[in-house]
């Protein structure tokens, strides 16, 4: 019976700790800034790039011999063509 009381006490302490932490938890408000150029997003172009991007079989394996290096090279080429400004700004 004492083990049951001990377990109930530990459970009560854990419940109190969770409750206190939940009540004290706060988040930062994120204020979204408008796009600098105030342009609309071309949803069809975004969907088209996503559709093309997910077709590359870039699957990593634990055994490096099973990796398809050409798929990764093709995907990298796709990224450079689909996002030329971003690719030019990134350091590789």
Foldseek 3Di string as FASTA:
>chain_A
DVVVVVVVVVVVVVVVVVVVCVVPDDDDDDDDDADPVNDDDPVVLVVVLVVVLVVQPQDDDPPNVPGDVVSVVVNVVSCCVSPVVVVVPDDD
